[in-house]
PDB file of N, CA and C in Angstrom:
ATOM      1  N   MET A   1      48.130  89.975  41.936  1.00  0.00           N
ATOM      2  CA  MET A   1      47.862  88.607  42.337  1.00  0.00           C
ATOM      3  C   MET A   1      47.506  88.556  43.812  1.00  0.00           C
ATOM      4  N   GLN A   2      46.493  87.777  44.091  1.00  0.00           N
ATOM      5  CA  GLN A   2      46.070  87.635  45.471  1.00  0.00           C
ATOM      6  C   GLN A   2      46.609  86.316  46.028  1.00  0.00           C
ATOM      7  N   ALA A   3      47.171  86.391  47.200  1.00  0.00           N
ATOM      8  CA  ALA A   3      47.745  85.193  47.812  1.00  0.00           C
ATOM      9  C   ALA A   3      46.627  84.266  48.278  1.00  0.00           C
ATOM     10  N   ASN A   4      46.867  83.018  48.123  1.00  0.00           N
ATOM     11  CA  ASN A   4      45.934  81.998  48.581  1.00  0.00           C
ATOM     12  C   ASN A   4      46.278  81.659  50.034  1.00  0.00           C
ATOM     13  N   ILE A   5      45.479  82.151  50.968  1.00  0.00           N
ATOM     14  CA  ILE A   5      45.768  81.938  52.376  1.00  0.00           C
ATOM     15  C   ILE A   5      44.713  81.008  52.951  1.00  0.00           C
ATOM     16  N   LYS A   6      45.173  79.924  53.536  1.00  0.00           N
ATOM     17  CA  LYS A   6      44.265  78.980  54.179  1.00  0.00           C
ATOM     18  C   LYS A   6      44.174  79.317  55.654  1.00  0.00           C
ATOM     19  N   LYS A   7      42.978  79.233  56.156  1.00  0.00           N
ATOM     20  CA  LYS A   7      42.781  79.481  57.576  1.00  0.00           C
ATOM     21  C   LYS A   7      43.221  78.233  58.341  1.00  0.00           C
ATOM     22  N   MET A   8      44.162  78.428  59.243  1.00  0.00           N
ATOM     23  CA  MET A   8      44.648  77.305  60.038  1.00  0.00           C
ATOM     24  C   MET A   8      43.861  77.231  61.330  1.00  0.00           C
ATOM     25  N   THR A   9      43.510  76.030  61.704  1.00  0.00           N
ATOM     26  CA  THR A   9      42.872  75.845  62.995  1.00  0.00           C
ATOM     27  C   THR A   9      43.903  75.277  63.953  1.00  0.00           C
ATOM     28  N   ILE A  10      44.004  75.904  65.078  1.00  0.00           N
ATOM     29  CA  ILE A  10      44.957  75.463  66.087  1.00  0.00           C
ATOM     30  C   ILE A  10      44.235  74.470  66.987  1.00  0.00           C
ATOM     31  N   PRO A  11      44.782  73.263  67.129  1.00  0.00           N
ATOM     32  CA  PRO A  11      44.117  72.283  67.985  1.00  0.00           C
ATOM     33  C   PRO A  11      44.076  72.774  69.434  1.00  0.00           C
ATOM     34  N   GLU A  12      42.960  72.488  70.080  1.00  0.00           N
ATOM     35  CA  GLU A  12      42.820  72.889  71.472  1.00  0.00           C
ATOM     36  C   GLU A  12      43.800  72.079  72.317  1.00  0.00           C
ATOM     37  N   GLU A  13      44.474  72.757  73.204  1.00  0.00           N
ATOM     38  CA  GLU A  13      45.442  72.077  74.060  1.00  0.00           C
ATOM     39  C   GLU A  13      44.710  71.447  75.236  1.00  0.00           C
ATOM     40  N   LYS A  14      44.986  70.182  75.470  1.00  0.00           N
ATOM     41  CA  LYS A  14      44.401  69.488  76.607  1.00  0.00           C
ATOM     42  C   LYS A  14      45.443  69.399  77.707  1.00  0.00           C
ATOM     43  N   ARG A  15      44.971  69.573  78.934  1.00  0.00           N
ATOM     44  CA  ARG A  15      45.865  69.458  80.075  1.00  0.00           C
ATOM     45  C   ARG A  15      45.208  68.532  81.095  1.00  0.00           C
ATOM     46  N   LEU A  16      45.921  67.489  81.489  1.00  0.00           N
ATOM     47  CA  LEU A  16      45.414  66.551  82.477  1.00  0.00           C
ATOM     48  C   LEU A  16      45.240  67.272  83.807  1.00  0.00           C
ATOM     49  N   ILE A  17      44.021  67.195  84.370  1.00  0.00           N
ATOM     50  CA  ILE A  17      43.778  67.890  85.635  1.00  0.00           C
ATOM     51  C   ILE A  17      43.326  66.938  86.738  1.00  0.00           C
ATOM     52  N   GLY A  18      43.118  65.661  86.405  1.00  0.00           N
ATOM     53  CA  GLY A  18      42.720  64.724  87.443  1.00  0.00           C
ATOM     54  C   GLY A  18      42.247  63.408  86.883  1.00  0.00           C
ATOM     55  N   LYS A  19      41.764  62.555  87.806  1.00  0.00           N
ATOM     56  CA  LYS A  19      41.213  61.271  87.383  1.00  0.00           C
ATOM     57  C   LYS A  19      40.003  60.926  88.234  1.00  0.00           C
ATOM     58  N   VAL A  20      39.133  60.127  87.640  1.00  0.00           N
ATOM     59  CA  VAL A  20      37.917  59.698  88.327  1.00  0.00           C
ATOM     60  C   VAL A  20      38.298  58.619  89.339  1.00  0.00           C
ATOM     61  N   ILE A  21      37.903  58.831  90.600  1.00  0.00           N
ATOM     62  CA  ILE A  21      38.196  57.831  91.626  1.00  0.00           C
ATOM     63  C   ILE A  21      36.937  57.110  92.100  1.00  0.00           C
ATOM     64  N   HIS A  22      35.757  57.624  91.729  1.00  0.00           N
ATOM     65  CA  HIS A  22      34.497  56.950  92.061  1.00  0.00           C
ATOM     66  C   HIS A  22      33.390  57.510  91.180  1.00  0.00           C
ATOM     67  N   PHE A  23      32.357  56.696  90.955  1.00  0.00           N
ATOM     68  CA  PHE A  23      31.202  57.150  90.190  1.00  0.00           C
ATOM     69  C   PHE A  23      29.935  56.652  90.866  1.00  0.00           C
ATOM     70  N   PHE A  24      29.024  57.572  91.168  1.00  0.00           N
ATOM     71  CA  PHE A  24      27.734  57.229  91.758  1.00  0.00           C
ATOM     72  C   PHE A  24      26.726  57.072  90.623  1.00  0.00           C
ATOM     73  N   THR A  25      26.394  55.833  90.265  1.00  0.00           N
ATOM     74  CA  THR A  25      25.545  55.573  89.102  1.00  0.00           C
ATOM     75  C   THR A  25      24.126  56.107  89.282  1.00  0.00           C
ATOM     76  N   ASN A  26      23.609  56.049  90.504  1.00  0.00           N
ATOM     77  CA  ASN A  26      22.211  56.454  90.716  1.00  0.00           C
ATOM     78  C   ASN A  26      21.981  57.961  90.563  1.00  0.00           C
ATOM     79  N   ILE A  27      23.053  58.780  90.713  1.00  0.00           N
ATOM     80  CA  ILE A  27      22.892  60.238  90.588  1.00  0.00           C
ATOM     81  C   ILE A  27      23.826  60.845  89.537  1.00  0.00           C
ATOM     82  N   ASN A  28      24.560  60.000  88.810  1.00  0.00           N
ATOM     83  CA  ASN A  28      25.486  60.451  87.754  1.00  0.00           C
ATOM     84  C   ASN A  28      26.482  61.496  88.253  1.00  0.00           C
ATOM     85  N   VAL A  29      27.124  61.183  89.366  1.00  0.00           N
ATOM     86  CA  VAL A  29      28.132  62.077  89.929  1.00  0.00           C
ATOM     87  C   VAL A  29      29.483  61.363  89.948  1.00  0.00           C
ATOM     88  N   ALA A  30      30.485  62.050  89.391  1.00  0.00           N
ATOM     89  CA  ALA A  30      31.853  61.548  89.394  1.00  0.00           C
ATOM     90  C   ALA A  30      32.629  62.215  90.513  1.00  0.00           C
ATOM     91  N   VAL A  31      33.447  61.447  91.212  1.00  0.00           N
ATOM     92  CA  VAL A  31      34.379  62.012  92.180  1.00  0.00           C
ATOM     93  C   VAL A  31      35.733  62.060  91.475  1.00  0.00           C
ATOM     94  N   ILE A  32      36.292  63.264  91.395  1.00  0.00           N
ATOM     95  CA  ILE A  32      37.546  63.485  90.672  1.00  0.00           C
ATOM     96  C   ILE A  32      38.622  63.916  91.652  1.00  0.00           C
ATOM     97  N   GLN A  33      39.747  63.211  91.635  1.00  0.00           N
ATOM     98  CA  GLN A  33      40.930  63.598  92.412  1.00  0.00           C
ATOM     99  C   GLN A  33      41.731  64.545  91.535  1.00  0.00           C
ATOM    100  N   LEU A  34      41.876  65.795  91.962  1.00  0.00           N
ATOM    101  CA  LEU A  34      42.515  66.809  91.129  1.00  0.00           C
ATOM    102  C   LEU A  34      44.031  66.810  91.241  1.00  0.00           C
ATOM    103  N   SER A  35      44.683  66.994  90.094  1.00  0.00           N
ATOM    104  CA  SER A  35      46.133  67.171  90.061  1.00  0.00           C
ATOM    105  C   SER A  35      46.480  68.602  89.643  1.00  0.00           C
ATOM    106  N   GLU A  36      45.442  69.414  89.410  1.00  0.00           N
ATOM    107  CA  GLU A  36      45.582  70.832  89.042  1.00  0.00           C
ATOM    108  C   GLU A  36      44.395  71.593  89.636  1.00  0.00           C
ATOM    109  N   LYS A  37      44.524  72.910  89.730  1.00  0.00           N
ATOM    110  CA  LYS A  37      43.428  73.775  90.170  1.00  0.00           C
ATOM    111  C   LYS A  37      42.317  73.740  89.119  1.00  0.00           C
ATOM    112  N   LEU A  38      41.063  73.851  89.567  1.00  0.00           N
ATOM    113  CA  LEU A  38      39.911  73.807  88.667  1.00  0.00           C
ATOM    114  C   LEU A  38      38.867  74.812  89.128  1.00  0.00           C
ATOM    115  N   SER A  39      38.194  75.455  88.158  1.00  0.00           N
ATOM    116  CA  SER A  39      37.155  76.441  88.463  1.00  0.00           C
ATOM    117  C   SER A  39      35.876  76.120  87.702  1.00  0.00           C
ATOM    118  N   VAL A  40      34.745  76.499  88.286  1.00  0.00           N
ATOM    119  CA  VAL A  40      33.457  76.362  87.617  1.00  0.00           C
ATOM    120  C   VAL A  40      33.502  77.179  86.330  1.00  0.00           C
ATOM    121  N   GLY A  41      32.923  76.635  85.262  1.00  0.00           N
ATOM    122  CA  GLY A  41      32.876  77.317  83.976  1.00  0.00           C
ATOM    123  C   GLY A  41      33.874  76.776  82.973  1.00  0.00           C
ATOM    124  N   GLU A  42      34.856  75.999  83.447  1.00  0.00           N
ATOM    125  CA  GLU A  42      35.848  75.453  82.526  1.00  0.00           C
ATOM    126  C   GLU A  42      35.262  74.265  81.762  1.00  0.00           C
ATOM    127  N   LYS A  43      35.849  73.984  80.597  1.00  0.00           N
ATOM    128  CA  LYS A  43      35.397  72.871  79.768  1.00  0.00           C
ATOM    129  C   LYS A  43      36.293  71.667  80.026  1.00  0.00           C
ATOM    130  N   LEU A  44      35.669  70.515  80.260  1.00  0.00           N
ATOM    131  CA  LEU A  44      36.399  69.300  80.589  1.00  0.00           C
ATOM    132  C   LEU A  44      36.182  68.222  79.544  1.00  0.00           C
ATOM    133  N   SER A  45      37.165  67.337  79.442  1.00  0.00           N
ATOM    134  CA  SER A  45      37.062  66.157  78.594  1.00  0.00           C
ATOM    135  C   SER A  45      37.316  64.942  79.471  1.00  0.00           C
ATOM    136  N   PHE A  46      36.376  63.987  79.437  1.00  0.00           N
ATOM    137  CA  PHE A  46      36.507  62.746  80.198  1.00  0.00           C
ATOM    138  C   PHE A  46      36.912  61.661  79.218  1.00  0.00           C
ATOM    139  N   GLU A  47      38.040  60.989  79.490  1.00  0.00           N
ATOM    140  CA  GLU A  47      38.564  60.012  78.534  1.00  0.00           C
ATOM    141  C   GLU A  47      39.027  58.751  79.245  1.00  0.00           C
ATOM    142  N   GLY A  48      38.657  57.630  78.649  1.00  0.00           N
ATOM    143  CA  GLY A  48      39.071  56.337  79.180  1.00  0.00           C
ATOM    144  C   GLY A  48      38.887  55.279  78.112  1.00  0.00           C
ATOM    145  N   ALA A  49      38.991  54.026  78.502  1.00  0.00           N
ATOM    146  CA  ALA A  49      38.879  52.924  77.543  1.00  0.00           C
ATOM    147  C   ALA A  49      37.547  52.962  76.793  1.00  0.00           C
ATOM    148  N   THR A  50      36.467  53.268  77.496  1.00  0.00           N
ATOM    149  CA  THR A  50      35.144  53.320  76.858  1.00  0.00           C
ATOM    150  C   THR A  50      34.449  54.656  77.099  1.00  0.00           C
ATOM    151  N   THR A  51      35.185  55.635  77.578  1.00  0.00           N
ATOM    152  CA  THR A  51      34.632  56.959  77.887  1.00  0.00           C
ATOM    153  C   THR A  51      35.299  57.998  76.995  1.00  0.00           C
ATOM    154  N   ASN A  52      34.475  58.873  76.407  1.00  0.00           N
ATOM    155  CA  ASN A  52      35.034  59.958  75.605  1.00  0.00           C
ATOM    156  C   ASN A  52      33.952  61.001  75.353  1.00  0.00           C
ATOM    157  N   PHE A  53      33.891  62.017  76.222  1.00  0.00           N
ATOM    158  CA  PHE A  53      32.931  63.105  76.018  1.00  0.00           C
ATOM    159  C   PHE A  53      33.449  64.369  76.676  1.00  0.00           C
ATOM    160  N   GLU A  54      32.870  65.488  76.257  1.00  0.00           N
ATOM    161  CA  GLU A  54      33.235  66.798  76.794  1.00  0.00           C
ATOM    162  C   GLU A  54      32.015  67.435  77.427  1.00  0.00           C
ATOM    163  N   GLN A  55      32.253  68.237  78.446  1.00  0.00           N
ATOM    164  CA  GLN A  55      31.168  69.019  79.038  1.00  0.00           C
ATOM    165  C   GLN A  55      31.734  70.186  79.816  1.00  0.00           C
ATOM    166  N   ARG A  56      30.941  71.240  79.917  1.00  0.00           N
ATOM    167  CA  ARG A  56      31.324  72.410  80.703  1.00  0.00           C
ATOM    168  C   ARG A  56      31.025  72.106  82.168  1.00  0.00           C
ATOM    169  N   LEU A  57      31.913  72.570  83.045  1.00  0.00           N
ATOM    170  CA  LEU A  57      31.747  72.366  84.474  1.00  0.00           C
ATOM    171  C   LEU A  57      30.808  73.435  85.022  1.00  0.00           C
ATOM    172  N   ASP A  58      29.542  73.061  85.231  1.00  0.00           N
ATOM    173  CA  ASP A  58      28.534  74.007  85.706  1.00  0.00           C
ATOM    174  C   ASP A  58      28.578  74.186  87.220  1.00  0.00           C
ATOM    175  N   SER A  59      28.958  73.124  87.926  1.00  0.00           N
ATOM    176  CA  SER A  59      29.033  73.200  89.384  1.00  0.00           C
ATOM    177  C   SER A  59      29.892  72.053  89.895  1.00  0.00           C
ATOM    178  N   MET A  60      30.367  72.207  91.113  1.00  0.00           N
ATOM    179  CA  MET A  60      31.112  71.129  91.772  1.00  0.00           C
ATOM    180  C   MET A  60      30.929  71.266  93.270  1.00  0.00           C
ATOM    181  N   GLN A  61      31.165  70.169  93.976  1.00  0.00           N
ATOM    182  CA  GLN A  61      31.004  70.165  95.422  1.00  0.00           C
ATOM    183  C   GLN A  61      32.203  69.518  96.098  1.00  0.00           C
ATOM    184  N   MET A  62      32.475  70.011  97.294  1.00  0.00           N
ATOM    185  CA  MET A  62      33.444  69.377  98.195  1.00  0.00           C
ATOM    186  C   MET A  62      32.763  69.251  99.548  1.00  0.00           C
ATOM    187  N   HIS A  63      32.790  68.065 100.121  1.00  0.00           N
ATOM    188  CA  HIS A  63      32.176  67.814 101.426  1.00  0.00           C
ATOM    189  C   HIS A  63      30.702  68.231 101.424  1.00  0.00           C
ATOM    190  N   ASN A  64      30.008  67.915 100.309  1.00  0.00           N
ATOM    191  CA  ASN A  64      28.574  68.193 100.145  1.00  0.00           C
ATOM    192  C   ASN A  64      28.218  69.679 100.160  1.00  0.00           C
ATOM    193  N   LYS A  65      29.188  70.538  99.854  1.00  0.00           N
ATOM    194  CA  LYS A  65      28.937  71.979  99.771  1.00  0.00           C
ATOM    195  C   LYS A  65      29.424  72.498  98.425  1.00  0.00           C
ATOM    196  N   PRO A  66      28.617  73.346  97.767  1.00  0.00           N
ATOM    197  CA  PRO A  66      29.036  73.898  96.471  1.00  0.00           C
ATOM    198  C   PRO A  66      30.282  74.775  96.618  1.00  0.00           C
ATOM    199  N   VAL A  67      31.203  74.651  95.657  1.00  0.00           N
ATOM    200  CA  VAL A  67      32.400  75.488  95.617  1.00  0.00           C
ATOM    201  C   VAL A  67      32.598  75.978  94.193  1.00  0.00           C
ATOM    202  N   LYS A  68      33.264  77.117  94.052  1.00  0.00           N
ATOM    203  CA  LYS A  68      33.535  77.680  92.722  1.00  0.00           C
ATOM    204  C   LYS A  68      34.927  77.299  92.228  1.00  0.00           C
ATOM    205  N   GLU A  69      35.844  76.994  93.163  1.00  0.00           N
ATOM    206  CA  GLU A  69      37.213  76.610  92.818  1.00  0.00           C
ATOM    207  C   GLU A  69      37.648  75.466  93.719  1.00  0.00           C
ATOM    208  N   ALA A  70      38.545  74.639  93.165  1.00  0.00           N
ATOM    209  CA  ALA A  70      39.157  73.566  93.949  1.00  0.00           C
ATOM    210  C   ALA A  70      40.631  73.510  93.581  1.00  0.00           C
ATOM    211  N   SER A  71      41.442  73.051  94.505  1.00  0.00           N
ATOM    212  CA  SER A  71      42.890  73.058  94.326  1.00  0.00           C
ATOM    213  C   SER A  71      43.445  71.659  94.086  1.00  0.00           C
ATOM    214  N   LYS A  72      44.683  71.626  93.671  1.00  0.00           N
ATOM    215  CA  LYS A  72      45.405  70.371  93.484  1.00  0.00           C
ATOM    216  C   LYS A  72      45.307  69.545  94.761  1.00  0.00           C
ATOM    217  N   GLY A  73      44.982  68.261  94.616  1.00  0.00           N
ATOM    218  CA  GLY A  73      44.867  67.372  95.766  1.00  0.00           C
ATOM    219  C   GLY A  73      43.455  67.214  96.288  1.00  0.00           C
ATOM    220  N   ASP A  74      42.553  68.143  95.931  1.00  0.00           N
ATOM    221  CA  ASP A  74      41.166  68.055  96.376  1.00  0.00           C
ATOM    222  C   ASP A  74      40.427  66.946  95.634  1.00  0.00           C
ATOM    223  N   ALA A  75      39.447  66.356  96.303  1.00  0.00           N
ATOM    224  CA  ALA A  75      38.516  65.417  95.661  1.00  0.00           C
ATOM    225  C   ALA A  75      37.182  66.144  95.562  1.00  0.00           C
ATOM    226  N   ILE A  76      36.662  66.262  94.338  1.00  0.00           N
ATOM    227  CA  ILE A  76      35.422  67.016  94.117  1.00  0.00           C
ATOM    228  C   ILE A  76      34.360  66.112  93.514  1.00  0.00           C
ATOM    229  N   GLY A  77      33.111  66.469  93.742  1.00  0.00           N
ATOM    230  CA  GLY A  77      31.979  65.792  93.125  1.00  0.00           C
ATOM    231  C   GLY A  77      31.458  66.634  91.980  1.00  0.00           C
ATOM    232  N   VAL A  78      31.254  65.991  90.817  1.00  0.00           N
ATOM    233  CA  VAL A  78      30.799  66.692  89.616  1.00  0.00           C
ATOM    234  C   VAL A  78      29.680  65.899  88.969  1.00  0.00           C
ATOM    235  N   LYS A  79      28.559  66.561  88.696  1.00  0.00           N
ATOM    236  CA  LYS A  79      27.464  65.930  87.960  1.00  0.00           C
ATOM    237  C   LYS A  79      27.897  65.793  86.503  1.00  0.00           C
ATOM    238  N   VAL A  80      27.821  64.583  85.963  1.00  0.00           N
ATOM    239  CA  VAL A  80      28.221  64.342  84.577  1.00  0.00           C
ATOM    240  C   VAL A  80      27.025  63.844  83.782  1.00  0.00           C
ATOM    241  N   ARG A  81      27.045  64.103  82.467  1.00  0.00           N
ATOM    242  CA  ARG A  81      25.895  63.732  81.638  1.00  0.00           C
ATOM    243  C   ARG A  81      25.992  62.318  81.089  1.00  0.00           C
ATOM    244  N   GLU A  82      27.206  61.714  81.178  1.00  0.00           N
ATOM    245  CA  GLU A  82      27.402  60.337  80.732  1.00  0.00           C
ATOM    246  C   GLU A  82      28.107  59.552  81.821  1.00  0.00           C
ATOM    247  N   ARG A  83      28.060  58.234  81.677  1.00  0.00           N
ATOM    248  CA  ARG A  83      28.727  57.366  82.647  1.00  0.00           C
ATOM    249  C   ARG A  83      30.243  57.481  82.507  1.00  0.00           C
ATOM    250  N   VAL A  84      30.923  57.557  83.649  1.00  0.00           N
ATOM    251  CA  VAL A  84      32.380  57.513  83.674  1.00  0.00           C
ATOM    252  C   VAL A  84      32.796  56.315  84.518  1.00  0.00           C
ATOM    253  N   ARG A  85      34.069  55.983  84.453  1.00  0.00           N
ATOM    254  CA  ARG A  85      34.560  54.831  85.186  1.00  0.00           C
ATOM    255  C   ARG A  85      35.776  55.221  86.015  1.00  0.00           C
ATOM    256  N   GLU A  86      35.994  54.508  87.108  1.00  0.00           N
ATOM    257  CA  GLU A  86      37.166  54.751  87.937  1.00  0.00           C
ATOM    258  C   GLU A  86      38.410  54.598  87.065  1.00  0.00           C
ATOM    259  N   GLY A  87      39.317  55.536  87.187  1.00  0.00           N
ATOM    260  CA  GLY A  87      40.536  55.516  86.400  1.00  0.00           C
ATOM    261  C   GLY A  87      40.484  56.369  85.141  1.00  0.00           C
ATOM    262  N   ASP A  88      39.266  56.787  84.722  1.00  0.00           N
ATOM    263  CA  ASP A  88      39.162  57.673  83.556  1.00  0.00           C
ATOM    264  C   ASP A  88      39.935  58.958  83.848  1.00  0.00           C
ATOM    265  N   GLN A  89      40.569  59.482  82.814  1.00  0.00           N
ATOM    266  CA  GLN A  89      41.318  60.727  82.970  1.00  0.00           C
ATOM    267  C   GLN A  89      40.431  61.921  82.638  1.00  0.00           C
ATOM    268  N   VAL A  90      40.691  63.031  83.326  1.00  0.00           N
ATOM    269  CA  VAL A  90      39.928  64.261  83.132  1.00  0.00           C
ATOM    270  C   VAL A  90      40.896  65.342  82.661  1.00  0.00           C
ATOM    271  N   PHE A  91      40.556  65.968  81.533  1.00  0.00           N
ATOM    272  CA  PHE A  91      41.398  66.997  80.938  1.00  0.00           C
ATOM    273  C   PHE A  91      40.657  68.320  80.899  1.00  0.00           C
ATOM    274  N   ARG A  92      41.404  69.427  81.042  1.00  0.00           N
ATOM    275  CA  ARG A  92      40.875  70.767  80.796  1.00  0.00           C
ATOM    276  C   ARG A  92      41.153  71.048  79.328  1.00  0.00           C
ATOM    277  N   ILE A  93      40.146  71.545  78.611  1.00  0.00           N
ATOM    278  CA  ILE A  93      40.343  71.883  77.197  1.00  0.00           C
ATOM    279  C   ILE A  93      39.980  73.325  76.928  1.00  0.00           C
TER     280      ILE A  93
END
């Protein structure tokens, strides 16, 4: 007899890493106040009352200069593909 084994999918764990403190509508850039360290290449989820999308972090800036990593407490600029709003939460997934 062969056992019937179902493949279980483990839900991706989300971790709150910051919140949107400003959004530049003309250039689609979100300013995120970080509560955790963040690196280029990580996948993010933007969530709020009317916001819900995911995107990979391709680049970020601090003080108008590109950076590969940012630390807790930093405010970073991130190009986003959809509109976000002040107060939206940002999760690492």
